[in-house]
PDB file of N, CA and C in Angstrom:
ATOM      1  N   MET A   1     -12.455  -6.767  38.032  1.00  0.00           N
ATOM      2  CA  MET A   1     -13.083  -6.079  39.143  1.00  0.00           C
ATOM      3  C   MET A   1     -14.538  -6.524  39.244  1.00  0.00           C
ATOM      4  N   SER A   2     -15.011  -6.624  40.439  1.00  0.00           N
ATOM      5  CA  SER A   2     -16.369  -7.064  40.714  1.00  0.00           C
ATOM      6  C   SER A   2     -17.309  -5.869  40.843  1.00  0.00           C
ATOM      7  N   VAL A   3     -18.594  -6.089  40.545  1.00  0.00           N
ATOM      8  CA  VAL A   3     -19.577  -5.009  40.707  1.00  0.00           C
ATOM      9  C   VAL A   3     -19.813  -4.688  42.174  1.00  0.00           C
ATOM     10  N   ASP A   4     -19.351  -5.544  43.086  1.00  0.00           N
ATOM     11  CA  ASP A   4     -19.484  -5.292  44.522  1.00  0.00           C
ATOM     12  C   ASP A   4     -18.329  -4.446  45.061  1.00  0.00           C
ATOM     13  N   ARG A   5     -17.382  -4.130  44.228  1.00  0.00           N
ATOM     14  CA  ARG A   5     -16.180  -3.419  44.656  1.00  0.00           C
ATOM     15  C   ARG A   5     -16.514  -2.036  45.211  1.00  0.00           C
ATOM     16  N   LEU A   6     -15.781  -1.632  46.246  1.00  0.00           N
ATOM     17  CA  LEU A   6     -15.900  -0.291  46.804  1.00  0.00           C
ATOM     18  C   LEU A   6     -14.828   0.591  46.181  1.00  0.00           C
ATOM     19  N   LEU A   7     -15.239   1.758  45.721  1.00  0.00           N
ATOM     20  CA  LEU A   7     -14.334   2.691  45.070  1.00  0.00           C
ATOM     21  C   LEU A   7     -14.006   3.855  45.995  1.00  0.00           C
ATOM     22  N   THR A   8     -12.811   4.370  45.871  1.00  0.00           N
ATOM     23  CA  THR A   8     -12.438   5.571  46.612  1.00  0.00           C
ATOM     24  C   THR A   8     -13.036   6.788  45.905  1.00  0.00           C
ATOM     25  N   PRO A   9     -13.115   7.916  46.607  1.00  0.00           N
ATOM     26  CA  PRO A   9     -13.595   9.136  45.936  1.00  0.00           C
ATOM     27  C   PRO A   9     -12.739   9.503  44.712  1.00  0.00           C
ATOM     28  N   ASP A  10     -11.441   9.300  44.791  1.00  0.00           N
ATOM     29  CA  ASP A  10     -10.573   9.590  43.640  1.00  0.00           C
ATOM     30  C   ASP A  10     -10.918   8.714  42.445  1.00  0.00           C
ATOM     31  N   GLU A  11     -11.197   7.437  42.688  1.00  0.00           N
ATOM     32  CA  GLU A  11     -11.560   6.524  41.600  1.00  0.00           C
ATOM     33  C   GLU A  11     -12.888   6.924  40.975  1.00  0.00           C
ATOM     34  N   VAL A  12     -13.848   7.326  41.810  1.00  0.00           N
ATOM     35  CA  VAL A  12     -15.153   7.768  41.298  1.00  0.00           C
ATOM     36  C   VAL A  12     -14.972   9.007  40.430  1.00  0.00           C
ATOM     37  N   ALA A  13     -14.193   9.960  40.908  1.00  0.00           N
ATOM     38  CA  ALA A  13     -13.958  11.184  40.140  1.00  0.00           C
ATOM     39  C   ALA A  13     -13.313  10.870  38.793  1.00  0.00           C
ATOM     40  N   ALA A  14     -12.360   9.961  38.775  1.00  0.00           N
ATOM     41  CA  ALA A  14     -11.700   9.598  37.523  1.00  0.00           C
ATOM     42  C   ALA A  14     -12.666   8.919  36.562  1.00  0.00           C
ATOM     43  N   LEU A  15     -13.478   7.997  37.065  1.00  0.00           N
ATOM     44  CA  LEU A  15     -14.437   7.303  36.204  1.00  0.00           C
ATOM     45  C   LEU A  15     -15.503   8.245  35.658  1.00  0.00           C
ATOM     46  N   ALA A  16     -15.955   9.174  36.512  1.00  0.00           N
ATOM     47  CA  ALA A  16     -17.013  10.104  36.107  1.00  0.00           C
ATOM     48  C   ALA A  16     -16.458  11.307  35.357  1.00  0.00           C
ATOM     49  N   ARG A  17     -15.116  11.425  35.369  1.00  0.00           N
ATOM     50  CA  ARG A  17     -14.446  12.563  34.734  1.00  0.00           C
ATOM     51  C   ARG A  17     -14.935  13.891  35.303  1.00  0.00           C
ATOM     52  N   VAL A  18     -14.942  13.952  36.633  1.00  0.00           N
ATOM     53  CA  VAL A  18     -15.323  15.166  37.351  1.00  0.00           C
ATOM     54  C   VAL A  18     -14.244  15.451  38.396  1.00  0.00           C
ATOM     55  N   GLU A  19     -14.302  16.637  38.971  1.00  0.00           N
ATOM     56  CA  GLU A  19     -13.392  16.996  40.058  1.00  0.00           C
ATOM     57  C   GLU A  19     -13.748  16.197  41.306  1.00  0.00           C
ATOM     58  N   LEU A  20     -12.765  15.950  42.135  1.00  0.00           N
ATOM     59  CA  LEU A  20     -12.976  15.228  43.389  1.00  0.00           C
ATOM     60  C   LEU A  20     -14.039  15.912  44.240  1.00  0.00           C
ATOM     61  N   ARG A  21     -14.030  17.210  44.249  1.00  0.00           N
ATOM     62  CA  ARG A  21     -15.009  17.987  45.026  1.00  0.00           C
ATOM     63  C   ARG A  21     -16.450  17.656  44.614  1.00  0.00           C
ATOM     64  N   THR A  22     -16.656  17.410  43.330  1.00  0.00           N
ATOM     65  CA  THR A  22     -17.987  17.091  42.812  1.00  0.00           C
ATOM     66  C   THR A  22     -18.512  15.792  43.409  1.00  0.00           C
ATOM     67  N   VAL A  23     -17.649  14.830  43.618  1.00  0.00           N
ATOM     68  CA  VAL A  23     -18.063  13.554  44.212  1.00  0.00           C
ATOM     69  C   VAL A  23     -18.637  13.798  45.608  1.00  0.00           C
ATOM     70  N   GLY A  24     -17.983  14.633  46.396  1.00  0.00           N
ATOM     71  CA  GLY A  24     -18.490  14.969  47.723  1.00  0.00           C
ATOM     72  C   GLY A  24     -19.818  15.699  47.676  1.00  0.00           C
ATOM     73  N   VAL A  25     -19.965  16.592  46.709  1.00  0.00           N
ATOM     74  CA  VAL A  25     -21.236  17.309  46.545  1.00  0.00           C
ATOM     75  C   VAL A  25     -22.348  16.322  46.205  1.00  0.00           C
ATOM     76  N   TRP A  26     -22.069  15.399  45.298  1.00  0.00           N
ATOM     77  CA  TRP A  26     -23.068  14.391  44.938  1.00  0.00           C
ATOM     78  C   TRP A  26     -23.459  13.563  46.157  1.00  0.00           C
ATOM     79  N   ARG A  27     -22.489  13.206  47.006  1.00  0.00           N
ATOM     80  CA  ARG A  27     -22.782  12.428  48.210  1.00  0.00           C
ATOM     81  C   ARG A  27     -23.676  13.235  49.153  1.00  0.00           C
ATOM     82  N   ARG A  28     -23.308  14.480  49.394  1.00  0.00           N
ATOM     83  CA  ARG A  28     -24.091  15.314  50.322  1.00  0.00           C
ATOM     84  C   ARG A  28     -25.491  15.604  49.796  1.00  0.00           C
ATOM     85  N   ASN A  29     -25.651  15.732  48.485  1.00  0.00           N
ATOM     86  CA  ASN A  29     -26.958  16.020  47.888  1.00  0.00           C
ATOM     87  C   ASN A  29     -27.821  14.781  47.702  1.00  0.00           C
ATOM     88  N   GLY A  30     -27.248  13.603  47.963  1.00  0.00           N
ATOM     89  CA  GLY A  30     -28.013  12.374  47.821  1.00  0.00           C
ATOM     90  C   GLY A  30     -28.005  11.786  46.420  1.00  0.00           C
ATOM     91  N   ARG A  31     -27.262  12.380  45.512  1.00  0.00           N
ATOM     92  CA  ARG A  31     -27.208  11.831  44.149  1.00  0.00           C
ATOM     93  C   ARG A  31     -26.402  10.540  44.120  1.00  0.00           C
ATOM     94  N   LEU A  32     -25.430  10.417  45.031  1.00  0.00           N
ATOM     95  CA  LEU A  32     -24.538   9.267  45.049  1.00  0.00           C
ATOM     96  C   LEU A  32     -24.493   8.698  46.458  1.00  0.00           C
ATOM     97  N   ARG A  33     -24.901   7.438  46.584  1.00  0.00           N
ATOM     98  CA  ARG A  33     -24.868   6.774  47.892  1.00  0.00           C
ATOM     99  C   ARG A  33     -23.441   6.414  48.251  1.00  0.00           C
ATOM    100  N   ALA A  34     -23.126   6.533  49.537  1.00  0.00           N
ATOM    101  CA  ALA A  34     -21.778   6.244  50.004  1.00  0.00           C
ATOM    102  C   ALA A  34     -21.825   5.411  51.270  1.00  0.00           C
ATOM    103  N   VAL A  35     -20.726   4.731  51.526  1.00  0.00           N
ATOM    104  CA  VAL A  35     -20.566   3.921  52.731  1.00  0.00           C
ATOM    105  C   VAL A  35     -19.486   4.595  53.574  1.00  0.00           C
ATOM    106  N   ALA A  36     -19.836   4.924  54.817  1.00  0.00           N
ATOM    107  CA  ALA A  36     -18.850   5.514  55.726  1.00  0.00           C
ATOM    108  C   ALA A  36     -18.065   4.391  56.387  1.00  0.00           C
ATOM    109  N   LEU A  37     -16.767   4.490  56.307  1.00  0.00           N
ATOM    110  CA  LEU A  37     -15.914   3.514  56.975  1.00  0.00           C
ATOM    111  C   LEU A  37     -15.771   3.902  58.442  1.00  0.00           C
ATOM    112  N   PRO A  38     -15.345   2.983  59.290  1.00  0.00           N
ATOM    113  CA  PRO A  38     -15.175   3.313  60.703  1.00  0.00           C
ATOM    114  C   PRO A  38     -14.327   4.572  60.872  1.00  0.00           C
ATOM    115  N   GLY A  39     -14.793   5.443  61.718  1.00  0.00           N
ATOM    116  CA  GLY A  39     -14.144   6.731  61.916  1.00  0.00           C
ATOM    117  C   GLY A  39     -15.003   7.852  61.358  1.00  0.00           C
ATOM    118  N   GLY A  40     -15.847   7.525  60.360  1.00  0.00           N
ATOM    119  CA  GLY A  40     -16.848   8.450  59.861  1.00  0.00           C
ATOM    120  C   GLY A  40     -16.414   9.464  58.822  1.00  0.00           C
ATOM    121  N   ARG A  41     -15.114   9.687  58.633  1.00  0.00           N
ATOM    122  CA  ARG A  41     -14.686  10.705  57.673  1.00  0.00           C
ATOM    123  C   ARG A  41     -14.113  10.100  56.392  1.00  0.00           C
ATOM    124  N   VAL A  42     -14.151   8.791  56.300  1.00  0.00           N
ATOM    125  CA  VAL A  42     -13.645   8.107  55.107  1.00  0.00           C
ATOM    126  C   VAL A  42     -14.832   7.473  54.399  1.00  0.00           C
ATOM    127  N   TRP A  43     -14.986   7.786  53.109  1.00  0.00           N
ATOM    128  CA  TRP A  43     -16.125   7.312  52.334  1.00  0.00           C
ATOM    129  C   TRP A  43     -15.674   6.401  51.220  1.00  0.00           C
ATOM    130  N   ARG A  44     -16.526   5.415  50.923  1.00  0.00           N
ATOM    131  CA  ARG A  44     -16.335   4.544  49.771  1.00  0.00           C
ATOM    132  C   ARG A  44     -17.662   4.451  49.027  1.00  0.00           C
ATOM    133  N   TYR A  45     -17.569   4.137  47.762  1.00  0.00           N
ATOM    134  CA  TYR A  45     -18.743   4.122  46.894  1.00  0.00           C
ATOM    135  C   TYR A  45     -18.833   2.771  46.196  1.00  0.00           C
ATOM    136  N   ARG A  46     -20.011   2.170  46.240  1.00  0.00           N
ATOM    137  CA  ARG A  46     -20.213   0.898  45.540  1.00  0.00           C
ATOM    138  C   ARG A  46     -20.272   1.163  44.045  1.00  0.00           C
ATOM    139  N   LEU A  47     -19.625   0.296  43.290  1.00  0.00           N
ATOM    140  CA  LEU A  47     -19.608   0.440  41.841  1.00  0.00           C
ATOM    141  C   LEU A  47     -21.020   0.508  41.284  1.00  0.00           C
ATOM    142  N   MET A  48     -21.912  -0.304  41.812  1.00  0.00           N
ATOM    143  CA  MET A  48     -23.302  -0.310  41.322  1.00  0.00           C
ATOM    144  C   MET A  48     -23.977   1.037  41.562  1.00  0.00           C
ATOM    145  N   ASP A  49     -23.691   1.680  42.706  1.00  0.00           N
ATOM    146  CA  ASP A  49     -24.283   2.982  43.014  1.00  0.00           C
ATOM    147  C   ASP A  49     -23.715   4.077  42.110  1.00  0.00           C
ATOM    148  N   VAL A  50     -22.423   3.985  41.820  1.00  0.00           N
ATOM    149  CA  VAL A  50     -21.806   4.953  40.915  1.00  0.00           C
ATOM    150  C   VAL A  50     -22.416   4.812  39.522  1.00  0.00           C
ATOM    151  N   ALA A  51     -22.568   3.587  39.067  1.00  0.00           N
ATOM    152  CA  ALA A  51     -23.172   3.349  37.754  1.00  0.00           C
ATOM    153  C   ALA A  51     -24.593   3.908  37.694  1.00  0.00           C
ATOM    154  N   ALA A  52     -25.360   3.690  38.742  1.00  0.00           N
ATOM    155  CA  ALA A  52     -26.737   4.199  38.766  1.00  0.00           C
ATOM    156  C   ALA A  52     -26.758   5.730  38.738  1.00  0.00           C
ATOM    157  N   ALA A  53     -25.862   6.370  39.481  1.00  0.00           N
ATOM    158  CA  ALA A  53     -25.809   7.831  39.509  1.00  0.00           C
ATOM    159  C   ALA A  53     -25.439   8.408  38.146  1.00  0.00           C
ATOM    160  N   LEU A  54     -24.630   7.661  37.402  1.00  0.00           N
ATOM    161  CA  LEU A  54     -24.199   8.115  36.079  1.00  0.00           C
ATOM    162  C   LEU A  54     -25.101   7.600  34.962  1.00  0.00           C
ATOM    163  N   HIS A  55     -26.169   6.892  35.342  1.00  0.00           N
ATOM    164  CA  HIS A  55     -27.121   6.315  34.378  1.00  0.00           C
ATOM    165  C   HIS A  55     -26.427   5.353  33.411  1.00  0.00           C
ATOM    166  N   LEU A  56     -25.556   4.508  33.984  1.00  0.00           N
ATOM    167  CA  LEU A  56     -24.837   3.499  33.212  1.00  0.00           C
ATOM    168  C   LEU A  56     -25.053   2.125  33.826  1.00  0.00           C
ATOM    169  N   GLU A  57     -24.702   1.112  33.089  1.00  0.00           N
ATOM    170  CA  GLU A  57     -24.683  -0.248  33.613  1.00  0.00           C
ATOM    171  C   GLU A  57     -23.341  -0.470  34.305  1.00  0.00           C
ATOM    172  N   PRO A  58     -23.313  -1.260  35.388  1.00  0.00           N
ATOM    173  CA  PRO A  58     -22.028  -1.528  36.050  1.00  0.00           C
ATOM    174  C   PRO A  58     -20.967  -2.079  35.096  1.00  0.00           C
ATOM    175  N   THR A  59     -21.391  -2.878  34.131  1.00  0.00           N
ATOM    176  CA  THR A  59     -20.426  -3.437  33.182  1.00  0.00           C
ATOM    177  C   THR A  59     -19.798  -2.343  32.313  1.00  0.00           C
ATOM    178  N   ASP A  60     -20.547  -1.256  32.062  1.00  0.00           N
ATOM    179  CA  ASP A  60     -19.987  -0.134  31.303  1.00  0.00           C
ATOM    180  C   ASP A  60     -18.840   0.507  32.080  1.00  0.00           C
ATOM    181  N   LEU A  61     -19.022   0.658  33.401  1.00  0.00           N
ATOM    182  CA  LEU A  61     -17.956   1.232  34.223  1.00  0.00           C
ATOM    183  C   LEU A  61     -16.761   0.305  34.300  1.00  0.00           C
ATOM    184  N   LEU A  62     -17.027  -0.991  34.354  1.00  0.00           N
ATOM    185  CA  LEU A  62     -15.922  -1.952  34.362  1.00  0.00           C
ATOM    186  C   LEU A  62     -15.088  -1.807  33.104  1.00  0.00           C
ATOM    187  N   ALA A  63     -15.754  -1.675  31.973  1.00  0.00           N
ATOM    188  CA  ALA A  63     -15.051  -1.523  30.709  1.00  0.00           C
ATOM    189  C   ALA A  63     -14.272  -0.210  30.664  1.00  0.00           C
ATOM    190  N   MET A  64     -14.852   0.858  31.230  1.00  0.00           N
ATOM    191  CA  MET A  64     -14.171   2.151  31.257  1.00  0.00           C
ATOM    192  C   MET A  64     -12.909   2.074  32.098  1.00  0.00           C
ATOM    193  N   GLU A  65     -12.990   1.375  33.230  1.00  0.00           N
ATOM    194  CA  GLU A  65     -11.842   1.281  34.117  1.00  0.00           C
ATOM    195  C   GLU A  65     -10.717   0.483  33.466  1.00  0.00           C
ATOM    196  N   VAL A  66     -11.071  -0.568  32.773  1.00  0.00           N
ATOM    197  CA  VAL A  66     -10.065  -1.396  32.103  1.00  0.00           C
ATOM    198  C   VAL A  66      -9.384  -0.583  31.005  1.00  0.00           C
ATOM    199  N   ALA A  67     -10.143   0.259  30.317  1.00  0.00           N
ATOM    200  CA  ALA A  67      -9.601   1.061  29.212  1.00  0.00           C
ATOM    201  C   ALA A  67      -8.644   2.133  29.707  1.00  0.00           C
ATOM    202  N   GLN A  68      -8.789   2.562  30.956  1.00  0.00           N
ATOM    203  CA  GLN A  68      -7.919   3.634  31.465  1.00  0.00           C
ATOM    204  C   GLN A  68      -6.615   3.106  31.769  1.00  0.00           C
TER     205      GLN A  68
END
């Protein structure tokens, strides 16, 4: 997986080990940057942004995803 990869909210929740609802709260509060897909109600998250929000290196998240 590339550090440029876009993650779904479910993938972010699994990597961060939080509820899906928490990912939306983080997006609305500005803790986690998101990209709105056409239509406006579908969100994706850059791996680099998720890593920054969790205070990790992108390579750490890559390793976590491979381990799951």
